[in-house]
Amino acid sequence: MEKLAYVVALLLLASLFQPLTARDLEINVLQLDVSQSDCPGVTKDTWPELLGVPATLARQTIQNENSNITNVPSILNGSPVTTDFRCDRVRLFVNVLDFVVQTPRVG
């Protein structure tokens, strides 16, 4: 039973550091990404400031900033997703603690 407690504690610690790692890696990607949204009525297409925040807060922020975004699902990071582009969707890629680990973007 004691080993299980150590394993759970280690997994929780590892998942806490995942948003920090994603934030460090995302900086280089943001510097290369200069595209703007082709969606009508969408004034902002990425939210880098939401890395590492809880998914519920990220969802509220995105929908408050742009009422055209109506579909904001949480998806466990690494899960398969469709490749279709939708102007009303922003996917929140989260870790097991429901913290955003990739920059949310329209698509």
PDB file of N, CA and C in Angstrom:
ATOM      1  N   MET A   1       0.821  -1.200   0.000  1.00  0.00           N
ATOM      2  CA  MET A   1       0.000   0.000   0.000  1.00  0.00           C
ATOM      3  C   MET A   1       0.864   1.262   0.000  1.00  0.00           C
ATOM      4  N   GLU A   2       1.991   1.184   0.691  1.00  0.00           N
ATOM      5  CA  GLU A   2       2.878   2.335   0.767  1.00  0.00           C
ATOM      6  C   GLU A   2       3.492   2.655  -0.598  1.00  0.00           C
ATOM      7  N   LYS A   3       3.804   1.608  -1.375  1.00  0.00           N
ATOM      8  CA  LYS A   3       4.367   1.826  -2.707  1.00  0.00           C
ATOM      9  C   LYS A   3       3.352   2.517  -3.616  1.00  0.00           C
ATOM     10  N   LEU A   4       2.088   2.162  -3.484  1.00  0.00           N
ATOM     11  CA  LEU A   4       1.050   2.790  -4.287  1.00  0.00           C
ATOM     12  C   LEU A   4       0.961   4.282  -3.984  1.00  0.00           C
ATOM     13  N   ALA A   5       1.084   4.645  -2.734  1.00  0.00           N
ATOM     14  CA  ALA A   5       1.041   6.059  -2.353  1.00  0.00           C
ATOM     15  C   ALA A   5       2.207   6.817  -2.988  1.00  0.00           C
ATOM     16  N   TYR A   6       3.391   6.196  -3.015  1.00  0.00           N
ATOM     17  CA  TYR A   6       4.541   6.839  -3.646  1.00  0.00           C
ATOM     18  C   TYR A   6       4.333   7.016  -5.151  1.00  0.00           C
ATOM     19  N   VAL A   7       3.785   6.000  -5.778  1.00  0.00           N
ATOM     20  CA  VAL A   7       3.535   6.069  -7.219  1.00  0.00           C
ATOM     21  C   VAL A   7       2.535   7.175  -7.539  1.00  0.00           C
ATOM     22  N   VAL A   8       1.447   7.244  -6.775  1.00  0.00           N
ATOM     23  CA  VAL A   8       0.439   8.285  -6.999  1.00  0.00           C
ATOM     24  C   VAL A   8       1.038   9.665  -6.775  1.00  0.00           C
ATOM     25  N   ALA A   9       1.820   9.823  -5.720  1.00  0.00           N
ATOM     26  CA  ALA A   9       2.455  11.113  -5.443  1.00  0.00           C
ATOM     27  C   ALA A   9       3.401  11.501  -6.571  1.00  0.00           C
ATOM     28  N   LEU A  10       4.166  10.554  -7.079  1.00  0.00           N
ATOM     29  CA  LEU A  10       5.088  10.826  -8.178  1.00  0.00           C
ATOM     30  C   LEU A  10       4.342  11.224  -9.452  1.00  0.00           C
ATOM     31  N   LEU A  11       3.245  10.547  -9.752  1.00  0.00           N
ATOM     32  CA  LEU A  11       2.448  10.893 -10.934  1.00  0.00           C
ATOM     33  C   LEU A  11       1.866  12.293 -10.817  1.00  0.00           C
ATOM     34  N   LEU A  12       1.387  12.646  -9.647  1.00  0.00           N
ATOM     35  CA  LEU A  12       0.846  13.992  -9.449  1.00  0.00           C
ATOM     36  C   LEU A  12       1.929  15.047  -9.605  1.00  0.00           C
ATOM     37  N   LEU A  13       3.100  14.799  -9.047  1.00  0.00           N
ATOM     38  CA  LEU A  13       4.204  15.740  -9.209  1.00  0.00           C
ATOM     39  C   LEU A  13       4.598  15.891 -10.678  1.00  0.00           C
ATOM     40  N   ALA A  14       4.678  14.784 -11.387  1.00  0.00           N
ATOM     41  CA  ALA A  14       5.054  14.827 -12.806  1.00  0.00           C
ATOM     42  C   ALA A  14       4.037  15.613 -13.619  1.00  0.00           C
ATOM     43  N   SER A  15       2.762  15.441 -13.323  1.00  0.00           N
ATOM     44  CA  SER A  15       1.749  16.159 -14.096  1.00  0.00           C
ATOM     45  C   SER A  15       1.728  17.645 -13.763  1.00  0.00           C
ATOM     46  N   LEU A  16       2.188  18.021 -12.581  1.00  0.00           N
ATOM     47  CA  LEU A  16       2.276  19.444 -12.245  1.00  0.00           C
ATOM     48  C   LEU A  16       3.360  20.136 -13.054  1.00  0.00           C
ATOM     49  N   PHE A  17       4.430  19.429 -13.375  1.00  0.00           N
ATOM     50  CA  PHE A  17       5.510  20.018 -14.143  1.00  0.00           C
ATOM     51  C   PHE A  17       5.239  20.020 -15.635  1.00  0.00           C
ATOM     52  N   GLN A  18       4.272  19.259 -16.100  1.00  0.00           N
ATOM     53  CA  GLN A  18       3.961  19.187 -17.525  1.00  0.00           C
ATOM     54  C   GLN A  18       3.568  20.546 -18.098  1.00  0.00           C
ATOM     55  N   PRO A  19       2.726  21.366 -17.422  1.00  0.00           N
ATOM     56  CA  PRO A  19       2.408  22.676 -17.994  1.00  0.00           C
ATOM     57  C   PRO A  19       3.626  23.576 -18.117  1.00  0.00           C
ATOM     58  N   LEU A  20       4.555  23.490 -17.167  1.00  0.00           N
ATOM     59  CA  LEU A  20       5.760  24.311 -17.247  1.00  0.00           C
ATOM     60  C   LEU A  20       6.604  23.921 -18.447  1.00  0.00           C
ATOM     61  N   THR A  21       6.727  22.632 -18.691  1.00  0.00           N
ATOM     62  CA  THR A  21       7.492  22.163 -19.833  1.00  0.00           C
ATOM     63  C   THR A  21       6.825  22.596 -21.131  1.00  0.00           C
ATOM     64  N   ALA A  22       5.514  22.465 -21.211  1.00  0.00           N
ATOM     65  CA  ALA A  22       4.794  22.866 -22.416  1.00  0.00           C
ATOM     66  C   ALA A  22       4.950  24.358 -22.648  1.00  0.00           C
ATOM     67  N   ARG A  23       4.929  25.137 -21.590  1.00  0.00           N
ATOM     68  CA  ARG A  23       5.072  26.589 -21.741  1.00  0.00           C
ATOM     69  C   ARG A  23       6.440  26.923 -22.306  1.00  0.00           C
ATOM     70  N   ASP A  24       7.492  26.276 -21.823  1.00  0.00           N
ATOM     71  CA  ASP A  24       8.837  26.536 -22.320  1.00  0.00           C
ATOM     72  C   ASP A  24       8.960  26.176 -23.791  1.00  0.00           C
ATOM     73  N   LEU A  25       8.373  25.051 -24.197  1.00  0.00           N
ATOM     74  CA  LEU A  25       8.453  24.622 -25.586  1.00  0.00           C
ATOM     75  C   LEU A  25       7.605  25.497 -26.496  1.00  0.00           C
ATOM     76  N   GLU A  26       6.499  26.009 -25.997  1.00  0.00           N
ATOM     77  CA  GLU A  26       5.556  26.775 -26.805  1.00  0.00           C
ATOM     78  C   GLU A  26       6.130  28.118 -27.240  1.00  0.00           C
ATOM     79  N   ILE A  27       7.070  28.678 -26.489  1.00  0.00           N
ATOM     80  CA  ILE A  27       7.626  29.986 -26.817  1.00  0.00           C
ATOM     81  C   ILE A  27       8.251  29.961 -28.207  1.00  0.00           C
ATOM     82  N   ASN A  28       9.015  28.917 -28.522  1.00  0.00           N
ATOM     83  CA  ASN A  28       9.637  28.823 -29.839  1.00  0.00           C
ATOM     84  C   ASN A  28       8.596  28.701 -30.943  1.00  0.00           C
ATOM     85  N   VAL A  29       7.525  27.967 -30.704  1.00  0.00           N
ATOM     86  CA  VAL A  29       6.480  27.800 -31.703  1.00  0.00           C
ATOM     87  C   VAL A  29       5.777  29.126 -31.946  1.00  0.00           C
ATOM     88  N   LEU A  30       5.508  29.875 -30.896  1.00  0.00           N
ATOM     89  CA  LEU A  30       4.812  31.149 -31.046  1.00  0.00           C
ATOM     90  C   LEU A  30       5.624  32.139 -31.864  1.00  0.00           C
ATOM     91  N   GLN A  31       6.925  32.108 -31.738  1.00  0.00           N
ATOM     92  CA  GLN A  31       7.756  33.029 -32.490  1.00  0.00           C
ATOM     93  C   GLN A  31       7.698  32.725 -33.982  1.00  0.00           C
ATOM     94  N   LEU A  32       7.450  31.470 -34.347  1.00  0.00           N
ATOM     95  CA  LEU A  32       7.388  31.095 -35.753  1.00  0.00           C
ATOM     96  C   LEU A  32       5.990  31.270 -36.348  1.00  0.00           C
ATOM     97  N   ASP A  33       4.962  31.238 -35.511  1.00  0.00           N
ATOM     98  CA  ASP A  33       3.589  31.294 -35.997  1.00  0.00           C
ATOM     99  C   ASP A  33       3.152  32.752 -36.157  1.00  0.00           C
ATOM    100  N   VAL A  34       3.024  33.208 -37.416  1.00  0.00           N
ATOM    101  CA  VAL A  34       2.621  34.581 -37.671  1.00  0.00           C
ATOM    102  C   VAL A  34       1.277  34.649 -38.389  1.00  0.00           C
ATOM    103  N   SER A  35       0.600  33.520 -38.497  1.00  0.00           N
ATOM    104  CA  SER A  35      -0.677  33.493 -39.214  1.00  0.00           C
ATOM    105  C   SER A  35      -1.790  34.111 -38.384  1.00  0.00           C
ATOM    106  N   GLN A  36      -2.781  34.649 -39.057  1.00  0.00           N
ATOM    107  CA  GLN A  36      -3.972  35.190 -38.422  1.00  0.00           C
ATOM    108  C   GLN A  36      -5.160  34.335 -38.838  1.00  0.00           C
ATOM    109  N   SER A  37      -6.214  34.428 -38.086  1.00  0.00           N
ATOM    110  CA  SER A  37      -7.391  33.610 -38.343  1.00  0.00           C
ATOM    111  C   SER A  37      -8.081  34.035 -39.636  1.00  0.00           C
ATOM    112  N   ASP A  38      -8.535  33.042 -40.403  1.00  0.00           N
ATOM    113  CA  ASP A  38      -9.308  33.298 -41.614  1.00  0.00           C
ATOM    114  C   ASP A  38     -10.799  33.188 -41.337  1.00  0.00           C
ATOM    115  N   CYS A  39     -11.166  33.098 -40.071  1.00  0.00           N
ATOM    116  CA  CYS A  39     -12.562  32.938 -39.705  1.00  0.00           C
ATOM    117  C   CYS A  39     -13.236  34.300 -39.538  1.00  0.00           C
ATOM    118  N   PRO A  40     -14.387  34.498 -40.178  1.00  0.00           N
ATOM    119  CA  PRO A  40     -15.094  35.771 -40.026  1.00  0.00           C
ATOM    120  C   PRO A  40     -15.586  35.956 -38.593  1.00  0.00           C
ATOM    121  N   GLY A  41     -15.362  37.134 -38.049  1.00  0.00           N
ATOM    122  CA  GLY A  41     -15.822  37.449 -36.708  1.00  0.00           C
ATOM    123  C   GLY A  41     -14.899  36.980 -35.601  1.00  0.00           C
ATOM    124  N   VAL A  42     -13.857  36.246 -35.931  1.00  0.00           N
ATOM    125  CA  VAL A  42     -12.905  35.782 -34.927  1.00  0.00           C
ATOM    126  C   VAL A  42     -11.725  36.741 -34.918  1.00  0.00           C
ATOM    127  N   THR A  43     -11.601  37.486 -33.835  1.00  0.00           N
ATOM    128  CA  THR A  43     -10.559  38.506 -33.753  1.00  0.00           C
ATOM    129  C   THR A  43      -9.273  37.980 -33.130  1.00  0.00           C
ATOM    130  N   LYS A  44      -9.361  36.899 -32.395  1.00  0.00           N
ATOM    131  CA  LYS A  44      -8.190  36.306 -31.753  1.00  0.00           C
ATOM    132  C   LYS A  44      -8.228  34.806 -32.013  1.00  0.00           C
ATOM    133  N   ASP A  45      -7.104  34.242 -32.485  1.00  0.00           N
ATOM    134  CA  ASP A  45      -7.127  32.816 -32.812  1.00  0.00           C
ATOM    135  C   ASP A  45      -6.219  31.954 -31.950  1.00  0.00           C
ATOM    136  N   THR A  46      -5.420  32.547 -31.073  1.00  0.00           N
ATOM    137  CA  THR A  46      -4.600  31.783 -30.134  1.00  0.00           C
ATOM    138  C   THR A  46      -4.624  32.453 -28.767  1.00  0.00           C
ATOM    139  N   TRP A  47      -4.431  31.652 -27.726  1.00  0.00           N
ATOM    140  CA  TRP A  47      -4.436  32.139 -26.343  1.00  0.00           C
ATOM    141  C   TRP A  47      -3.228  31.572 -25.602  1.00  0.00           C
ATOM    142  N   PRO A  48      -2.013  32.036 -25.876  1.00  0.00           N
ATOM    143  CA  PRO A  48      -0.822  31.505 -25.201  1.00  0.00           C
ATOM    144  C   PRO A  48      -0.816  31.796 -23.699  1.00  0.00           C
ATOM    145  N   GLU A  49      -1.525  32.810 -23.276  1.00  0.00           N
ATOM    146  CA  GLU A  49      -1.566  33.162 -21.861  1.00  0.00           C
ATOM    147  C   GLU A  49      -2.330  32.137 -21.016  1.00  0.00           C
ATOM    148  N   LEU A  50      -3.021  31.199 -21.667  1.00  0.00           N
ATOM    149  CA  LEU A  50      -3.809  30.207 -20.940  1.00  0.00           C
ATOM    150  C   LEU A  50      -3.053  28.906 -20.659  1.00  0.00           C
ATOM    151  N   LEU A  51      -1.795  28.827 -21.055  1.00  0.00           N
ATOM    152  CA  LEU A  51      -0.990  27.638 -20.743  1.00  0.00           C
ATOM    153  C   LEU A  51      -0.842  27.510 -19.234  1.00  0.00           C
ATOM    154  N   GLY A  52      -1.112  26.321 -18.725  1.00  0.00           N
ATOM    155  CA  GLY A  52      -0.936  26.058 -17.309  1.00  0.00           C
ATOM    156  C   GLY A  52      -2.110  26.432 -16.423  1.00  0.00           C
ATOM    157  N   VAL A  53      -3.193  26.936 -16.994  1.00  0.00           N
ATOM    158  CA  VAL A  53      -4.359  27.296 -16.181  1.00  0.00           C
ATOM    159  C   VAL A  53      -5.395  26.171 -16.242  1.00  0.00           C
ATOM    160  N   PRO A  54      -6.294  26.103 -15.260  1.00  0.00           N
ATOM    161  CA  PRO A  54      -7.339  25.072 -15.295  1.00  0.00           C
ATOM    162  C   PRO A  54      -8.229  25.226 -16.536  1.00  0.00           C
ATOM    163  N   ALA A  55      -8.698  24.104 -17.061  1.00  0.00           N
ATOM    164  CA  ALA A  55      -9.493  24.104 -18.289  1.00  0.00           C
ATOM    165  C   ALA A  55     -10.782  24.908 -18.150  1.00  0.00           C
ATOM    166  N   THR A  56     -11.408  24.874 -16.983  1.00  0.00           N
ATOM    167  CA  THR A  56     -12.662  25.623 -16.815  1.00  0.00           C
ATOM    168  C   THR A  56     -12.421  27.124 -16.944  1.00  0.00           C
ATOM    169  N   LEU A  57     -11.334  27.613 -16.373  1.00  0.00           N
ATOM    170  CA  LEU A  57     -11.001  29.037 -16.490  1.00  0.00           C
ATOM    171  C   LEU A  57     -10.634  29.388 -17.934  1.00  0.00           C
ATOM    172  N   ALA A  58      -9.882  28.514 -18.596  1.00  0.00           N
ATOM    173  CA  ALA A  58      -9.502  28.747 -19.992  1.00  0.00           C
ATOM    174  C   ALA A  58     -10.746  28.793 -20.880  1.00  0.00           C
ATOM    175  N   ARG A  59     -11.679  27.877 -20.670  1.00  0.00           N
ATOM    176  CA  ARG A  59     -12.916  27.831 -21.461  1.00  0.00           C
ATOM    177  C   ARG A  59     -13.714  29.131 -21.289  1.00  0.00           C
ATOM    178  N   GLN A  60     -13.865  29.576 -20.049  1.00  0.00           N
ATOM    179  CA  GLN A  60     -14.602  30.817 -19.775  1.00  0.00           C
ATOM    180  C   GLN A  60     -13.927  32.010 -20.433  1.00  0.00           C
ATOM    181  N   THR A  61     -12.602  32.074 -20.337  1.00  0.00           N
ATOM    182  CA  THR A  61     -11.852  33.194 -20.922  1.00  0.00           C
ATOM    183  C   THR A  61     -12.042  33.246 -22.431  1.00  0.00           C
ATOM    184  N   ILE A  62     -11.900  32.100 -23.092  1.00  0.00           N
ATOM    185  CA  ILE A  62     -12.035  32.046 -24.551  1.00  0.00           C
ATOM    186  C   ILE A  62     -13.438  32.468 -24.978  1.00  0.00           C
ATOM    187  N   GLN A  63     -14.453  31.929 -24.316  1.00  0.00           N
ATOM    188  CA  GLN A  63     -15.829  32.250 -24.705  1.00  0.00           C
ATOM    189  C   GLN A  63     -16.203  33.687 -24.351  1.00  0.00           C
ATOM    190  N   ASN A  64     -15.622  34.257 -23.295  1.00  0.00           N
ATOM    191  CA  ASN A  64     -15.879  35.660 -22.964  1.00  0.00           C
ATOM    192  C   ASN A  64     -15.219  36.599 -23.971  1.00  0.00           C
ATOM    193  N   GLU A  65     -14.046  36.236 -24.461  1.00  0.00           N
ATOM    194  CA  GLU A  65     -13.328  37.089 -25.406  1.00  0.00           C
ATOM    195  C   GLU A  65     -13.888  36.990 -26.819  1.00  0.00           C
ATOM    196  N   ASN A  66     -14.561  35.876 -27.147  1.00  0.00           N
ATOM    197  CA  ASN A  66     -15.079  35.714 -28.503  1.00  0.00           C
ATOM    198  C   ASN A  66     -16.346  34.869 -28.463  1.00  0.00           C
ATOM    199  N   SER A  67     -17.469  35.503 -28.660  1.00  0.00           N
ATOM    200  CA  SER A  67     -18.755  34.796 -28.593  1.00  0.00           C
ATOM    201  C   SER A  67     -18.979  33.860 -29.780  1.00  0.00           C
ATOM    202  N   ASN A  68     -18.181  33.968 -30.839  1.00  0.00           N
ATOM    203  CA  ASN A  68     -18.309  33.063 -31.988  1.00  0.00           C
ATOM    204  C   ASN A  68     -17.737  31.681 -31.696  1.00  0.00           C
ATOM    205  N   ILE A  69     -16.935  31.555 -30.646  1.00  0.00           N
ATOM    206  CA  ILE A  69     -16.380  30.259 -30.259  1.00  0.00           C
ATOM    207  C   ILE A  69     -17.388  29.588 -29.336  1.00  0.00           C
ATOM    208  N   THR A  70     -18.073  28.571 -29.845  1.00  0.00           N
ATOM    209  CA  THR A  70     -19.125  27.903 -29.072  1.00  0.00           C
ATOM    210  C   THR A  70     -18.750  26.481 -28.667  1.00  0.00           C
ATOM    211  N   ASN A  71     -17.693  25.938 -29.254  1.00  0.00           N
ATOM    212  CA  ASN A  71     -17.296  24.555 -28.996  1.00  0.00           C
ATOM    213  C   ASN A  71     -15.883  24.553 -28.415  1.00  0.00           C
ATOM    214  N   VAL A  72     -15.763  24.334 -27.086  1.00  0.00           N
ATOM    215  CA  VAL A  72     -14.460  24.346 -26.417  1.00  0.00           C
ATOM    216  C   VAL A  72     -14.314  23.068 -25.583  1.00  0.00           C
ATOM    217  N   PRO A  73     -14.009  21.945 -26.238  1.00  0.00           N
ATOM    218  CA  PRO A  73     -13.879  20.682 -25.501  1.00  0.00           C
ATOM    219  C   PRO A  73     -12.509  20.543 -24.839  1.00  0.00           C
ATOM    220  N   SER A  74     -12.467  19.819 -23.734  1.00  0.00           N
ATOM    221  CA  SER A  74     -11.204  19.434 -23.099  1.00  0.00           C
ATOM    222  C   SER A  74     -10.813  18.068 -23.642  1.00  0.00           C
ATOM    223  N   ILE A  75      -9.553  17.945 -24.060  1.00  0.00           N
ATOM    224  CA  ILE A  75      -9.056  16.698 -24.638  1.00  0.00           C
ATOM    225  C   ILE A  75      -7.748  16.347 -23.936  1.00  0.00           C
ATOM    226  N   LEU A  76      -7.644  15.113 -23.470  1.00  0.00           N
ATOM    227  CA  LEU A  76      -6.424  14.676 -22.815  1.00  0.00           C
ATOM    228  C   LEU A  76      -5.266  14.744 -23.808  1.00  0.00           C
ATOM    229  N   ASN A  77      -4.189  15.392 -23.406  1.00  0.00           N
ATOM    230  CA  ASN A  77      -3.041  15.587 -24.284  1.00  0.00           C
ATOM    231  C   ASN A  77      -2.545  14.255 -24.828  1.00  0.00           C
ATOM    232  N   GLY A  78      -2.355  14.182 -26.133  1.00  0.00           N
ATOM    233  CA  GLY A  78      -1.910  12.962 -26.791  1.00  0.00           C
ATOM    234  C   GLY A  78      -3.036  12.136 -27.383  1.00  0.00           C
ATOM    235  N   SER A  79      -4.272  12.509 -27.085  1.00  0.00           N
ATOM    236  CA  SER A  79      -5.418  11.776 -27.650  1.00  0.00           C
ATOM    237  C   SER A  79      -5.570  12.104 -29.124  1.00  0.00           C
ATOM    238  N   PRO A  80      -6.051  11.157 -29.920  1.00  0.00           N
ATOM    239  CA  PRO A  80      -6.268  11.441 -31.344  1.00  0.00           C
ATOM    240  C   PRO A  80      -7.437  12.399 -31.534  1.00  0.00           C
ATOM    241  N   VAL A  81      -7.314  13.282 -32.516  1.00  0.00           N
ATOM    242  CA  VAL A  81      -8.381  14.226 -32.854  1.00  0.00           C
ATOM    243  C   VAL A  81      -8.540  14.278 -34.364  1.00  0.00           C
ATOM    244  N   THR A  82      -9.671  14.766 -34.814  1.00  0.00           N
ATOM    245  CA  THR A  82      -9.895  14.931 -36.249  1.00  0.00           C
ATOM    246  C   THR A  82      -9.072  16.106 -36.756  1.00  0.00           C
ATOM    247  N   THR A  83      -8.822  16.137 -38.061  1.00  0.00           N
ATOM    248  CA  THR A  83      -8.001  17.203 -38.635  1.00  0.00           C
ATOM    249  C   THR A  83      -8.833  18.288 -39.301  1.00  0.00           C
ATOM    250  N   ASP A  84     -10.160  18.216 -39.191  1.00  0.00           N
ATOM    251  CA  ASP A  84     -11.004  19.228 -39.817  1.00  0.00           C
ATOM    252  C   ASP A  84     -10.847  20.565 -39.095  1.00  0.00           C
ATOM    253  N   PHE A  85     -10.979  21.653 -39.855  1.00  0.00           N
ATOM    254  CA  PHE A  85     -10.852  23.004 -39.304  1.00  0.00           C
ATOM    255  C   PHE A  85     -12.238  23.592 -39.113  1.00  0.00           C
ATOM    256  N   ARG A  86     -12.507  24.076 -37.913  1.00  0.00           N
ATOM    257  CA  ARG A  86     -13.801  24.695 -37.611  1.00  0.00           C
ATOM    258  C   ARG A  86     -13.568  26.020 -36.913  1.00  0.00           C
ATOM    259  N   CYS A  87     -14.234  27.046 -37.415  1.00  0.00           N
ATOM    260  CA  CYS A  87     -14.069  28.398 -36.866  1.00  0.00           C
ATOM    261  C   CYS A  87     -14.740  28.576 -35.510  1.00  0.00           C
ATOM    262  N   ASP A  88     -15.615  27.665 -35.113  1.00  0.00           N
ATOM    263  CA  ASP A  88     -16.316  27.811 -33.833  1.00  0.00           C
ATOM    264  C   ASP A  88     -15.713  26.937 -32.735  1.00  0.00           C
ATOM    265  N   ARG A  89     -14.541  26.315 -32.998  1.00  0.00           N
ATOM    266  CA  ARG A  89     -13.979  25.356 -32.043  1.00  0.00           C
ATOM    267  C   ARG A  89     -12.570  25.757 -31.609  1.00  0.00           C
ATOM    268  N   VAL A  90     -12.340  25.620 -30.310  1.00  0.00           N
ATOM    269  CA  VAL A  90     -11.000  25.721 -29.729  1.00  0.00           C
ATOM    270  C   VAL A  90     -10.839  24.505 -28.829  1.00  0.00           C
ATOM    271  N   ARG A  91      -9.880  23.658 -29.146  1.00  0.00           N
ATOM    272  CA  ARG A  91      -9.639  22.465 -28.326  1.00  0.00           C
ATOM    273  C   ARG A  91      -8.685  22.819 -27.188  1.00  0.00           C
ATOM    274  N   LEU A  92      -9.035  22.370 -25.986  1.00  0.00           N
ATOM    275  CA  LEU A  92      -8.169  22.547 -24.825  1.00  0.00           C
ATOM    276  C   LEU A  92      -7.480  21.216 -24.540  1.00  0.00           C
ATOM    277  N   PHE A  93      -6.189  21.136 -24.852  1.00  0.00           N
ATOM    278  CA  PHE A  93      -5.431  19.931 -24.564  1.00  0.00           C
ATOM    279  C   PHE A  93      -4.949  20.025 -23.121  1.00  0.00           C
ATOM    280  N   VAL A  94      -5.376  19.053 -22.304  1.00  0.00           N
ATOM    281  CA  VAL A  94      -5.142  19.107 -20.861  1.00  0.00           C
ATOM    282  C   VAL A  94      -4.373  17.885 -20.368  1.00  0.00           C
ATOM    283  N   ASN A  95      -3.791  18.017 -19.160  1.00  0.00           N
ATOM    284  CA  ASN A  95      -3.159  16.872 -18.516  1.00  0.00           C
ATOM    285  C   ASN A  95      -4.184  16.190 -17.618  1.00  0.00           C
ATOM    286  N   VAL A  96      -3.739  15.209 -16.839  1.00  0.00           N
ATOM    287  CA  VAL A  96      -4.677  14.444 -16.011  1.00  0.00           C
ATOM    288  C   VAL A  96      -5.298  15.291 -14.901  1.00  0.00           C
ATOM    289  N   LEU A  97      -4.689  16.416 -14.567  1.00  0.00           N
ATOM    290  CA  LEU A  97      -5.238  17.314 -13.547  1.00  0.00           C
ATOM    291  C   LEU A  97      -6.131  18.393 -14.153  1.00  0.00           C
ATOM    292  N   ASP A  98      -6.376  18.324 -15.457  1.00  0.00           N
ATOM    293  CA  ASP A  98      -7.237  19.259 -16.187  1.00  0.00           C
ATOM    294  C   ASP A  98      -6.635  20.657 -16.300  1.00  0.00           C
ATOM    295  N   PHE A  99      -5.309  20.728 -16.463  1.00  0.00           N
ATOM    296  CA  PHE A  99      -4.624  21.987 -16.732  1.00  0.00           C
ATOM    297  C   PHE A  99      -4.246  22.019 -18.212  1.00  0.00           C
ATOM    298  N   VAL A 100      -4.360  23.169 -18.842  1.00  0.00           N
ATOM    299  CA  VAL A 100      -4.049  23.333 -20.264  1.00  0.00           C
ATOM    300  C   VAL A 100      -2.539  23.179 -20.479  1.00  0.00           C
ATOM    301  N   VAL A 101      -2.139  22.313 -21.430  1.00  0.00           N
ATOM    302  CA  VAL A 101      -0.721  22.039 -21.678  1.00  0.00           C
ATOM    303  C   VAL A 101      -0.273  22.396 -23.096  1.00  0.00           C
ATOM    304  N   GLN A 102      -1.197  22.836 -23.947  1.00  0.00           N
ATOM    305  CA  GLN A 102      -0.847  23.333 -25.288  1.00  0.00           C
ATOM    306  C   GLN A 102      -1.602  24.636 -25.506  1.00  0.00           C
ATOM    307  N   THR A 103      -1.021  25.515 -26.298  1.00  0.00           N
ATOM    308  CA  THR A 103      -1.685  26.782 -26.581  1.00  0.00           C
ATOM    309  C   THR A 103      -3.019  26.530 -27.266  1.00  0.00           C
ATOM    310  N   PRO A 104      -4.117  26.996 -26.666  1.00  0.00           N
ATOM    311  CA  PRO A 104      -5.411  26.869 -27.331  1.00  0.00           C
ATOM    312  C   PRO A 104      -5.450  27.711 -28.609  1.00  0.00           C
ATOM    313  N   ARG A 105      -6.000  27.140 -29.674  1.00  0.00           N
ATOM    314  CA  ARG A 105      -6.095  27.872 -30.945  1.00  0.00           C
ATOM    315  C   ARG A 105      -7.372  27.457 -31.674  1.00  0.00           C
ATOM    316  N   VAL A 106      -7.885  28.358 -32.483  1.00  0.00           N
ATOM    317  CA  VAL A 106      -9.076  28.088 -33.268  1.00  0.00           C
ATOM    318  C   VAL A 106      -8.771  26.961 -34.234  1.00  0.00           C
ATOM    319  N   GLY A 107      -9.708  26.067 -34.389  1.00  0.00           N
ATOM    320  CA  GLY A 107      -9.505  24.990 -35.332  1.00  0.00           C
ATOM    321  C   GLY A 107     -10.347  23.843 -34.990  1.00  0.00           C
TER     322      GLY A 107
END
